[in-house]
Amino acid sequence: MPQAALRLALHLALLVVLVWMVQEAVAGADLVTELRDASGRWSLYLLLLSLCFTPVTRLRPAWRVYIPLRRVTGLWAFAFACVHVLVWISLEFAFDWRGMWQEIVGNLFIWLGIISFALLKVLAASSNRKAQRWRGYQYWRFIHTLIYPALGMALGHYFMAQKLPEWQPMLLISVFIVLLVWRWRYAD
């Protein structure tokens, strides 16, 4: 399958996920909580998936044809993070900036989410060829190592936001640690 077709298929699949997520939230008991939580989780899933491309292609060199999907996956992760933030701002707080600020001040997990989102914005804005040429490949590559602190903070945000310990944040953190160890050991 040509790369353009693969990218299109991935875009369509993730658009279907987004539409399905909104439908499920609308049909559920608590639209705001369901949509906020689901969009945040999907952003984490996609960020972790985007980090898996390099290790997988090292194990299976024939799969290098799928590397261009890493960018699509990362951009969709940012799109789901945008939905997460927009739901929090518009539906949960109805643009009550004072109320949001009061919520932010006392909660470390919200600070982690804000910083993570800011880093993801930088990554999304610089994820094109023009940005790569603008400052040079080495600078661009350095900027894109921000994915590690961004994802670490996002996982911390998710873990701290849970009212009860759940298996899913721990599983995602474990996958992230495995990816970090792999990166430390095998990355060029």
N, C-alpha and C. Protein backbone atom coordinates (compact mmCIF):
# COMPACT_ATOMS: atom_id res chain seq x y z
N MET A 1 0.85 -1.17 0.00
CA MET A 1 0.00 0.00 0.00
C MET A 1 0.90 1.24 0.00
N PRO A 2 0.68 2.18 -0.90
CA PRO A 2 1.51 3.39 -0.95
C PRO A 2 1.37 4.22 0.33
N GLN A 3 2.42 5.01 0.61
CA GLN A 3 2.43 5.81 1.84
C GLN A 3 1.26 6.77 1.93
N ALA A 4 0.90 7.40 0.82
CA ALA A 4 -0.22 8.34 0.84
C ALA A 4 -1.51 7.63 1.25
N ALA A 5 -1.70 6.41 0.76
CA ALA A 5 -2.90 5.65 1.11
C ALA A 5 -2.87 5.25 2.58
N LEU A 6 -1.68 4.90 3.08
CA LEU A 6 -1.57 4.56 4.51
C LEU A 6 -1.89 5.76 5.39
N ARG A 7 -1.36 6.92 5.02
CA ARG A 7 -1.64 8.14 5.80
C ARG A 7 -3.12 8.46 5.78
N LEU A 8 -3.73 8.36 4.60
CA LEU A 8 -5.17 8.63 4.48
C LEU A 8 -5.98 7.66 5.33
N ALA A 9 -5.61 6.38 5.29
CA ALA A 9 -6.32 5.38 6.09
C ALA A 9 -6.20 5.68 7.58
N LEU A 10 -5.01 6.09 8.02
CA LEU A 10 -4.82 6.42 9.43
C LEU A 10 -5.62 7.67 9.81
N HIS A 11 -5.60 8.68 8.95
CA HIS A 11 -6.41 9.88 9.21
C HIS A 11 -7.89 9.52 9.36
N LEU A 12 -8.39 8.70 8.43
CA LEU A 12 -9.80 8.32 8.48
C LEU A 12 -10.12 7.49 9.72
N ALA A 13 -9.24 6.57 10.06
CA ALA A 13 -9.46 5.73 11.24
C ALA A 13 -9.53 6.58 12.51
N LEU A 14 -8.63 7.54 12.62
CA LEU A 14 -8.61 8.37 13.84
C LEU A 14 -9.75 9.38 13.84
N LEU A 15 -10.20 9.80 12.67
CA LEU A 15 -11.39 10.64 12.60
C LEU A 15 -12.61 9.85 13.07
N VAL A 16 -12.69 8.59 12.67
CA VAL A 16 -13.78 7.72 13.13
C VAL A 16 -13.73 7.57 14.65
N VAL A 17 -12.54 7.40 15.20
CA VAL A 17 -12.39 7.30 16.66
C VAL A 17 -12.90 8.58 17.33
N LEU A 18 -12.55 9.72 16.79
CA LEU A 18 -13.00 10.99 17.37
C LEU A 18 -14.52 11.12 17.32
N VAL A 19 -15.10 10.79 16.17
CA VAL A 19 -16.57 10.86 16.03
C VAL A 19 -17.23 9.88 16.99
N TRP A 20 -16.70 8.66 17.06
CA TRP A 20 -17.23 7.65 17.98
C TRP A 20 -17.14 8.14 19.43
N MET A 21 -16.01 8.75 19.78
CA MET A 21 -15.83 9.25 21.14
C MET A 21 -16.88 10.32 21.48
N VAL A 22 -17.13 11.22 20.56
CA VAL A 22 -18.12 12.27 20.79
C VAL A 22 -19.51 11.64 20.91
N GLN A 23 -19.84 10.68 20.04
CA GLN A 23 -21.14 10.01 20.12
C GLN A 23 -21.32 9.31 21.45
N GLU A 24 -20.31 8.59 21.89
CA GLU A 24 -20.39 7.88 23.17
C GLU A 24 -20.57 8.86 24.33
N ALA A 25 -19.87 9.97 24.27
CA ALA A 25 -19.98 10.96 25.35
C ALA A 25 -21.36 11.59 25.37
N VAL A 26 -21.90 11.90 24.20
CA VAL A 26 -23.23 12.50 24.11
C VAL A 26 -24.29 11.52 24.62
N ALA A 27 -24.12 10.25 24.32
CA ALA A 27 -25.09 9.24 24.76
C ALA A 27 -24.91 8.86 26.22
N GLY A 28 -23.78 9.20 26.82
CA GLY A 28 -23.49 8.82 28.20
C GLY A 28 -24.16 9.72 29.22
N ALA A 29 -23.91 9.40 30.47
CA ALA A 29 -24.54 10.14 31.56
C ALA A 29 -23.87 11.49 31.81
N ASP A 30 -22.57 11.57 31.61
CA ASP A 30 -21.83 12.80 31.91
C ASP A 30 -20.96 13.17 30.71
N LEU A 31 -21.51 13.97 29.82
CA LEU A 31 -20.85 14.35 28.58
C LEU A 31 -19.46 14.92 28.83
N VAL A 32 -19.35 15.87 29.74
CA VAL A 32 -18.08 16.58 29.96
C VAL A 32 -17.00 15.62 30.43
N THR A 33 -17.29 14.86 31.47
CA THR A 33 -16.28 13.95 32.03
C THR A 33 -15.88 12.89 31.02
N GLU A 34 -16.85 12.30 30.35
CA GLU A 34 -16.54 11.23 29.40
C GLU A 34 -15.71 11.74 28.22
N LEU A 35 -16.09 12.90 27.67
CA LEU A 35 -15.36 13.44 26.53
C LEU A 35 -13.97 13.93 26.95
N ARG A 36 -13.89 14.58 28.09
CA ARG A 36 -12.59 15.07 28.58
C ARG A 36 -11.63 13.90 28.84
N ASP A 37 -12.12 12.89 29.54
CA ASP A 37 -11.26 11.76 29.89
C ASP A 37 -10.87 10.93 28.67
N ALA A 38 -11.83 10.67 27.78
CA ALA A 38 -11.54 9.85 26.60
C ALA A 38 -10.55 10.56 25.67
N SER A 39 -10.72 11.84 25.48
CA SER A 39 -9.79 12.56 24.59
C SER A 39 -8.39 12.60 25.19
N GLY A 40 -8.28 12.75 26.48
CA GLY A 40 -6.97 12.72 27.13
C GLY A 40 -6.30 11.36 27.01
N ARG A 41 -7.08 10.30 27.23
CA ARG A 41 -6.52 8.94 27.10
C ARG A 41 -6.05 8.67 25.67
N TRP A 42 -6.87 9.04 24.69
CA TRP A 42 -6.49 8.79 23.30
C TRP A 42 -5.25 9.58 22.92
N SER A 43 -5.11 10.76 23.45
CA SER A 43 -3.89 11.52 23.20
C SER A 43 -2.67 10.77 23.73
N LEU A 44 -2.78 10.22 24.92
CA LEU A 44 -1.68 9.44 25.49
C LEU A 44 -1.39 8.19 24.67
N TYR A 45 -2.44 7.48 24.27
CA TYR A 45 -2.25 6.27 23.47
C TYR A 45 -1.46 6.60 22.20
N LEU A 46 -1.87 7.67 21.54
CA LEU A 46 -1.24 8.03 20.27
C LEU A 46 0.19 8.54 20.46
N LEU A 47 0.44 9.26 21.54
CA LEU A 47 1.80 9.70 21.82
C LEU A 47 2.72 8.50 22.05
N LEU A 48 2.24 7.56 22.84
CA LEU A 48 3.04 6.35 23.06
C LEU A 48 3.24 5.56 21.77
N LEU A 49 2.19 5.47 20.98
CA LEU A 49 2.30 4.78 19.69
C LEU A 49 3.33 5.45 18.80
N SER A 50 3.35 6.78 18.80
CA SER A 50 4.31 7.49 17.94
C SER A 50 5.75 7.20 18.37
N LEU A 51 5.97 6.95 19.66
CA LEU A 51 7.30 6.60 20.14
C LEU A 51 7.68 5.15 19.83
N CYS A 52 6.71 4.33 19.53
CA CYS A 52 6.98 2.92 19.25
C CYS A 52 7.49 2.67 17.84
N PHE A 53 7.33 3.62 16.94
CA PHE A 53 7.73 3.39 15.55
C PHE A 53 9.20 3.04 15.41
N THR A 54 10.08 3.80 16.07
CA THR A 54 11.51 3.55 15.91
C THR A 54 11.93 2.19 16.45
N PRO A 55 11.57 1.82 17.68
CA PRO A 55 11.96 0.49 18.15
C PRO A 55 11.42 -0.64 17.27
N VAL A 56 10.19 -0.50 16.82
CA VAL A 56 9.59 -1.55 16.00
C VAL A 56 10.33 -1.68 14.67
N THR A 57 10.68 -0.54 14.08
CA THR A 57 11.38 -0.61 12.80
C THR A 57 12.82 -1.08 12.96
N ARG A 58 13.38 -0.94 14.14
CA ARG A 58 14.70 -1.52 14.38
C ARG A 58 14.61 -3.04 14.44
N LEU A 59 13.52 -3.54 15.02
CA LEU A 59 13.32 -4.98 15.09
C LEU A 59 12.90 -5.57 13.75
N ARG A 60 12.12 -4.83 13.02
CA ARG A 60 11.62 -5.27 11.71
C ARG A 60 11.95 -4.19 10.67
N PRO A 61 13.14 -4.20 10.11
CA PRO A 61 13.53 -3.16 9.15
C PRO A 61 12.57 -3.02 7.96
N ALA A 62 11.92 -4.07 7.58
CA ALA A 62 10.98 -3.99 6.45
C ALA A 62 9.80 -3.07 6.76
N TRP A 63 9.54 -2.83 8.02
CA TRP A 63 8.43 -1.98 8.42
C TRP A 63 8.78 -0.50 8.40
N ARG A 64 9.97 -0.15 7.95
CA ARG A 64 10.37 1.26 7.88
C ARG A 64 9.43 2.06 6.98
N VAL A 65 8.70 1.40 6.12
CA VAL A 65 7.74 2.10 5.26
C VAL A 65 6.64 2.78 6.08
N TYR A 66 6.48 2.34 7.33
CA TYR A 66 5.44 2.90 8.19
C TYR A 66 5.91 4.12 8.99
N ILE A 67 7.20 4.46 8.91
CA ILE A 67 7.74 5.61 9.66
C ILE A 67 6.98 6.91 9.37
N PRO A 68 6.57 7.20 8.13
CA PRO A 68 5.83 8.44 7.89
C PRO A 68 4.52 8.53 8.71
N LEU A 69 4.02 7.40 9.17
CA LEU A 69 2.79 7.43 9.98
C LEU A 69 3.06 8.00 11.38
N ARG A 70 4.32 8.06 11.78
CA ARG A 70 4.67 8.60 13.10
C ARG A 70 4.21 10.05 13.21
N ARG A 71 4.45 10.84 12.16
CA ARG A 71 4.05 12.25 12.18
C ARG A 71 2.53 12.39 12.27
N VAL A 72 1.82 11.59 11.47
CA VAL A 72 0.35 11.62 11.50
C VAL A 72 -0.14 11.26 12.89
N THR A 73 0.44 10.24 13.48
CA THR A 73 0.04 9.80 14.82
C THR A 73 0.29 10.90 15.85
N GLY A 74 1.45 11.54 15.76
CA GLY A 74 1.76 12.63 16.69
C GLY A 74 0.82 13.81 16.54
N LEU A 75 0.48 14.16 15.31
CA LEU A 75 -0.43 15.28 15.09
C LEU A 75 -1.84 14.97 15.58
N TRP A 76 -2.26 13.73 15.40
CA TRP A 76 -3.57 13.34 15.93
C TRP A 76 -3.55 13.32 17.46
N ALA A 77 -2.43 12.94 18.04
CA ALA A 77 -2.31 12.99 19.51
C ALA A 77 -2.50 14.42 19.97
N PHE A 78 -1.91 15.37 19.26
CA PHE A 78 -2.09 16.78 19.60
C PHE A 78 -3.54 17.20 19.40
N ALA A 79 -4.18 16.72 18.34
CA ALA A 79 -5.59 17.06 18.11
C ALA A 79 -6.47 16.57 19.26
N PHE A 80 -6.22 15.34 19.73
CA PHE A 80 -6.99 14.83 20.86
C PHE A 80 -6.67 15.63 22.13
N ALA A 81 -5.42 16.06 22.29
CA ALA A 81 -5.07 16.91 23.44
C ALA A 81 -5.81 18.25 23.35
N CYS A 82 -5.95 18.78 22.13
CA CYS A 82 -6.71 20.03 21.95
C CYS A 82 -8.16 19.84 22.35
N VAL A 83 -8.75 18.72 21.95
CA VAL A 83 -10.13 18.43 22.36
C VAL A 83 -10.21 18.36 23.88
N HIS A 84 -9.25 17.70 24.49
CA HIS A 84 -9.20 17.56 25.95
C HIS A 84 -9.20 18.95 26.62
N VAL A 85 -8.33 19.83 26.15
CA VAL A 85 -8.23 21.18 26.73
C VAL A 85 -9.49 21.99 26.43
N LEU A 86 -10.00 21.91 25.21
CA LEU A 86 -11.20 22.68 24.85
C LEU A 86 -12.42 22.24 25.66
N VAL A 87 -12.54 20.95 25.90
CA VAL A 87 -13.65 20.47 26.73
C VAL A 87 -13.52 21.03 28.13
N TRP A 88 -12.30 21.03 28.66
CA TRP A 88 -12.07 21.54 30.02
C TRP A 88 -12.41 23.03 30.10
N ILE A 89 -11.97 23.81 29.11
CA ILE A 89 -12.19 25.25 29.12
C ILE A 89 -13.65 25.60 28.83
N SER A 90 -14.22 25.00 27.79
CA SER A 90 -15.55 25.43 27.34
C SER A 90 -16.70 24.72 28.03
N LEU A 91 -16.60 23.42 28.20
CA LEU A 91 -17.73 22.68 28.77
C LEU A 91 -17.66 22.57 30.30
N GLU A 92 -16.47 22.32 30.81
CA GLU A 92 -16.37 22.15 32.26
C GLU A 92 -16.40 23.49 32.99
N PHE A 93 -15.73 24.51 32.44
CA PHE A 93 -15.66 25.80 33.12
C PHE A 93 -16.42 26.91 32.41
N ALA A 94 -16.97 26.65 31.24
CA ALA A 94 -17.73 27.62 30.47
C ALA A 94 -16.99 28.96 30.36
N PHE A 95 -15.70 28.88 30.07
CA PHE A 95 -14.84 30.06 29.90
C PHE A 95 -14.78 30.95 31.14
N ASP A 96 -14.98 30.38 32.29
CA ASP A 96 -14.84 31.11 33.55
C ASP A 96 -13.36 31.13 33.92
N TRP A 97 -12.65 32.15 33.45
CA TRP A 97 -11.21 32.22 33.60
C TRP A 97 -10.79 32.29 35.06
N ARG A 98 -11.56 33.00 35.87
CA ARG A 98 -11.24 33.09 37.30
C ARG A 98 -11.39 31.72 37.97
N GLY A 99 -12.46 31.03 37.65
CA GLY A 99 -12.66 29.69 38.20
C GLY A 99 -11.58 28.72 37.76
N MET A 100 -11.17 28.82 36.49
CA MET A 100 -10.09 27.96 36.00
C MET A 100 -8.79 28.27 36.73
N TRP A 101 -8.51 29.57 36.91
CA TRP A 101 -7.27 29.93 37.59
C TRP A 101 -7.25 29.39 39.02
N GLN A 102 -8.38 29.47 39.72
CA GLN A 102 -8.46 28.94 41.08
C GLN A 102 -8.23 27.43 41.08
N GLU A 103 -8.72 26.76 40.07
CA GLU A 103 -8.52 25.32 39.96
C GLU A 103 -7.06 24.99 39.65
N ILE A 104 -6.45 25.80 38.79
CA ILE A 104 -5.06 25.57 38.38
C ILE A 104 -4.10 25.78 39.54
N VAL A 105 -4.29 26.85 40.31
CA VAL A 105 -3.33 27.24 41.35
C VAL A 105 -3.08 26.11 42.34
N GLY A 106 -4.09 25.42 42.74
CA GLY A 106 -3.92 24.42 43.78
C GLY A 106 -3.67 23.00 43.31
N ASN A 107 -3.50 22.79 42.03
CA ASN A 107 -3.39 21.42 41.53
C ASN A 107 -2.16 21.22 40.67
N LEU A 108 -1.22 20.47 41.18
CA LEU A 108 0.00 20.15 40.44
C LEU A 108 -0.33 19.40 39.16
N PHE A 109 -1.31 18.50 39.20
CA PHE A 109 -1.61 17.70 38.01
C PHE A 109 -2.09 18.57 36.86
N ILE A 110 -2.76 19.68 37.16
CA ILE A 110 -3.19 20.58 36.08
C ILE A 110 -1.98 21.32 35.51
N TRP A 111 -1.04 21.71 36.37
CA TRP A 111 0.19 22.34 35.88
C TRP A 111 0.95 21.39 34.96
N LEU A 112 1.01 20.13 35.35
CA LEU A 112 1.68 19.15 34.48
C LEU A 112 0.99 19.07 33.12
N GLY A 113 -0.33 19.08 33.14
CA GLY A 113 -1.08 19.04 31.89
C GLY A 113 -0.86 20.28 31.04
N ILE A 114 -0.81 21.44 31.67
CA ILE A 114 -0.61 22.69 30.93
C ILE A 114 0.78 22.72 30.30
N ILE A 115 1.79 22.36 31.05
CA ILE A 115 3.16 22.38 30.52
C ILE A 115 3.29 21.34 29.40
N SER A 116 2.71 20.18 29.61
CA SER A 116 2.74 19.14 28.58
C SER A 116 2.07 19.63 27.30
N PHE A 117 0.92 20.26 27.44
CA PHE A 117 0.20 20.77 26.28
C PHE A 117 1.02 21.85 25.55
N ALA A 118 1.69 22.72 26.30
CA ALA A 118 2.53 23.75 25.69
C ALA A 118 3.66 23.11 24.89
N LEU A 119 4.28 22.08 25.44
CA LEU A 119 5.34 21.39 24.71
C LEU A 119 4.80 20.70 23.46
N LEU A 120 3.62 20.10 23.58
CA LEU A 120 3.01 19.45 22.41
C LEU A 120 2.69 20.46 21.32
N LYS A 121 2.32 21.69 21.71
CA LYS A 121 2.08 22.74 20.72
C LYS A 121 3.34 23.04 19.93
N VAL A 122 4.45 23.13 20.62
CA VAL A 122 5.73 23.38 19.95
C VAL A 122 6.04 22.23 18.98
N LEU A 123 5.83 21.01 19.44
CA LEU A 123 6.11 19.85 18.59
C LEU A 123 5.20 19.83 17.36
N ALA A 124 3.93 20.11 17.55
CA ALA A 124 2.99 20.11 16.43
C ALA A 124 3.33 21.22 15.43
N ALA A 125 3.66 22.40 15.95
CA ALA A 125 3.98 23.52 15.07
C ALA A 125 5.26 23.29 14.28
N SER A 126 6.17 22.49 14.82
CA SER A 126 7.45 22.27 14.15
C SER A 126 7.53 20.90 13.47
N SER A 127 6.40 20.30 13.20
CA SER A 127 6.42 18.94 12.66
C SER A 127 6.36 18.88 11.14
N ASN A 128 6.72 19.96 10.48
CA ASN A 128 6.69 19.95 9.02
C ASN A 128 8.08 20.16 8.44
N ARG A 129 8.21 19.93 7.17
CA ARG A 129 9.52 20.05 6.50
C ARG A 129 10.05 21.48 6.54
N LYS A 130 9.16 22.45 6.44
CA LYS A 130 9.59 23.85 6.47
C LYS A 130 10.28 24.17 7.80
N ALA A 131 9.71 23.70 8.90
CA ALA A 131 10.32 23.92 10.22
C ALA A 131 11.66 23.19 10.32
N GLN A 132 11.74 22.05 9.69
CA GLN A 132 12.98 21.28 9.69
C GLN A 132 14.09 22.04 8.96
N ARG A 133 13.76 22.65 7.85
CA ARG A 133 14.75 23.40 7.08
C ARG A 133 15.06 24.76 7.71
N TRP A 134 14.10 25.35 8.40
CA TRP A 134 14.25 26.70 8.94
C TRP A 134 15.44 26.83 9.87
N ARG A 135 15.55 25.95 10.83
CA ARG A 135 16.64 26.02 11.81
C ARG A 135 17.68 24.91 11.63
N GLY A 136 17.44 24.03 10.71
CA GLY A 136 18.37 22.94 10.49
C GLY A 136 17.89 21.67 11.17
N TYR A 137 18.31 20.55 10.61
CA TYR A 137 17.85 19.25 11.08
C TYR A 137 18.25 18.98 12.53
N GLN A 138 19.48 19.32 12.90
CA GLN A 138 19.94 19.02 14.27
C GLN A 138 19.11 19.78 15.30
N TYR A 139 18.80 21.04 15.05
CA TYR A 139 17.97 21.83 15.97
C TYR A 139 16.56 21.24 16.03
N TRP A 140 16.03 20.92 14.85
CA TRP A 140 14.69 20.33 14.78
C TRP A 140 14.64 19.02 15.57
N ARG A 141 15.67 18.22 15.40
CA ARG A 141 15.73 16.94 16.10
C ARG A 141 15.79 17.16 17.62
N PHE A 142 16.58 18.14 18.05
CA PHE A 142 16.64 18.48 19.47
C PHE A 142 15.26 18.90 19.99
N ILE A 143 14.59 19.76 19.24
CA ILE A 143 13.24 20.21 19.65
C ILE A 143 12.31 19.03 19.82
N HIS A 144 12.44 18.05 18.93
CA HIS A 144 11.51 16.92 18.98
C HIS A 144 11.86 15.91 20.08
N THR A 145 12.96 16.11 20.78
CA THR A 145 13.19 15.30 21.98
C THR A 145 12.32 15.79 23.14
N LEU A 146 11.64 16.93 22.95
CA LEU A 146 10.70 17.42 23.97
C LEU A 146 9.52 16.48 24.15
N ILE A 147 9.36 15.54 23.23
CA ILE A 147 8.28 14.57 23.38
C ILE A 147 8.42 13.79 24.69
N TYR A 148 9.65 13.54 25.11
CA TYR A 148 9.86 12.74 26.32
C TYR A 148 9.38 13.47 27.58
N PRO A 149 9.81 14.72 27.83
CA PRO A 149 9.24 15.39 29.00
C PRO A 149 7.74 15.68 28.85
N ALA A 150 7.31 15.98 27.62
CA ALA A 150 5.88 16.25 27.40
C ALA A 150 5.04 15.03 27.74
N LEU A 151 5.47 13.87 27.26
CA LEU A 151 4.73 12.65 27.54
C LEU A 151 4.84 12.25 29.01
N GLY A 152 6.02 12.43 29.60
CA GLY A 152 6.18 12.14 31.02
C GLY A 152 5.23 12.98 31.87
N MET A 153 5.14 14.27 31.56
CA MET A 153 4.23 15.15 32.32
C MET A 153 2.78 14.80 32.04
N ALA A 154 2.46 14.45 30.81
CA ALA A 154 1.08 14.06 30.48
C ALA A 154 0.69 12.80 31.25
N LEU A 155 1.60 11.85 31.34
CA LEU A 155 1.32 10.63 32.10
C LEU A 155 1.20 10.94 33.59
N GLY A 156 2.05 11.84 34.09
CA GLY A 156 1.91 12.28 35.49
C GLY A 156 0.57 12.95 35.72
N HIS A 157 0.15 13.77 34.78
CA HIS A 157 -1.15 14.44 34.84
C HIS A 157 -2.27 13.41 34.92
N TYR A 158 -2.19 12.40 34.06
CA TYR A 158 -3.21 11.36 34.02
C TYR A 158 -3.22 10.55 35.32
N PHE A 159 -2.04 10.17 35.79
CA PHE A 159 -1.94 9.38 37.01
C PHE A 159 -2.48 10.16 38.22
N MET A 160 -2.10 11.42 38.33
CA MET A 160 -2.53 12.23 39.48
C MET A 160 -4.01 12.61 39.42
N ALA A 161 -4.59 12.63 38.22
CA ALA A 161 -6.00 13.00 38.08
C ALA A 161 -6.93 11.88 38.51
N GLN A 162 -6.42 10.66 38.62
CA GLN A 162 -7.26 9.52 39.00
C GLN A 162 -7.62 9.62 40.48
N LYS A 163 -8.87 9.41 40.77
CA LYS A 163 -9.33 9.44 42.16
C LYS A 163 -8.93 8.16 42.90
N LEU A 164 -8.97 7.07 42.18
CA LEU A 164 -8.57 5.79 42.74
C LEU A 164 -7.45 5.22 41.87
N PRO A 165 -6.54 4.47 42.47
CA PRO A 165 -5.50 3.86 41.62
C PRO A 165 -6.14 2.92 40.60
N GLU A 166 -5.73 3.07 39.37
CA GLU A 166 -6.23 2.22 38.31
C GLU A 166 -5.06 1.57 37.60
N TRP A 167 -5.32 0.49 36.93
CA TRP A 167 -4.27 -0.24 36.24
C TRP A 167 -3.82 0.48 34.98
N GLN A 168 -4.71 1.22 34.32
CA GLN A 168 -4.36 1.81 33.03
C GLN A 168 -3.24 2.86 33.12
N PRO A 169 -3.28 3.83 34.04
CA PRO A 169 -2.15 4.76 34.11
C PRO A 169 -0.83 4.05 34.40
N MET A 170 -0.88 3.04 35.23
CA MET A 170 0.35 2.30 35.55
C MET A 170 0.87 1.55 34.32
N LEU A 171 -0.03 0.99 33.53
CA LEU A 171 0.39 0.30 32.31
C LEU A 171 1.02 1.27 31.32
N LEU A 172 0.40 2.44 31.13
CA LEU A 172 0.93 3.43 30.21
C LEU A 172 2.29 3.95 30.68
N ILE A 173 2.43 4.16 31.97
CA ILE A 173 3.72 4.61 32.52
C ILE A 173 4.77 3.52 32.32
N SER A 174 4.39 2.27 32.49
CA SER A 174 5.33 1.16 32.27
C SER A 174 5.80 1.10 30.82
N VAL A 175 4.89 1.29 29.89
CA VAL A 175 5.26 1.29 28.47
C VAL A 175 6.22 2.45 28.20
N PHE A 176 5.94 3.61 28.78
CA PHE A 176 6.80 4.77 28.60
C PHE A 176 8.20 4.50 29.15
N ILE A 177 8.29 3.87 30.31
CA ILE A 177 9.59 3.55 30.89
C ILE A 177 10.36 2.58 30.00
N VAL A 178 9.68 1.58 29.48
CA VAL A 178 10.33 0.63 28.57
C VAL A 178 10.86 1.38 27.34
N LEU A 179 10.07 2.28 26.79
CA LEU A 179 10.51 3.06 25.63
C LEU A 179 11.70 3.95 25.97
N LEU A 180 11.70 4.55 27.16
CA LEU A 180 12.83 5.38 27.58
C LEU A 180 14.11 4.54 27.73
N VAL A 181 13.98 3.37 28.32
CA VAL A 181 15.14 2.49 28.49
C VAL A 181 15.66 2.08 27.12
N TRP A 182 14.76 1.72 26.21
CA TRP A 182 15.19 1.36 24.87
C TRP A 182 15.92 2.53 24.22
N ARG A 183 15.34 3.73 24.33
CA ARG A 183 15.94 4.91 23.72
C ARG A 183 17.34 5.16 24.29
N TRP A 184 17.48 5.05 25.58
CA TRP A 184 18.78 5.27 26.24
C TRP A 184 19.80 4.25 25.79
N ARG A 185 19.33 3.02 25.61
CA ARG A 185 20.27 1.95 25.29
C ARG A 185 20.60 1.82 23.81
N TYR A 186 19.62 2.02 22.94
CA TYR A 186 19.82 1.70 21.52
C TYR A 186 19.77 2.91 20.57
N ALA A 187 19.37 4.04 21.04
CA ALA A 187 19.22 5.17 20.12
C ALA A 187 20.57 5.64 19.62
N ASP A 188 20.56 6.15 18.40
CA ASP A 188 21.80 6.66 17.83
C ASP A 188 22.03 8.11 18.15
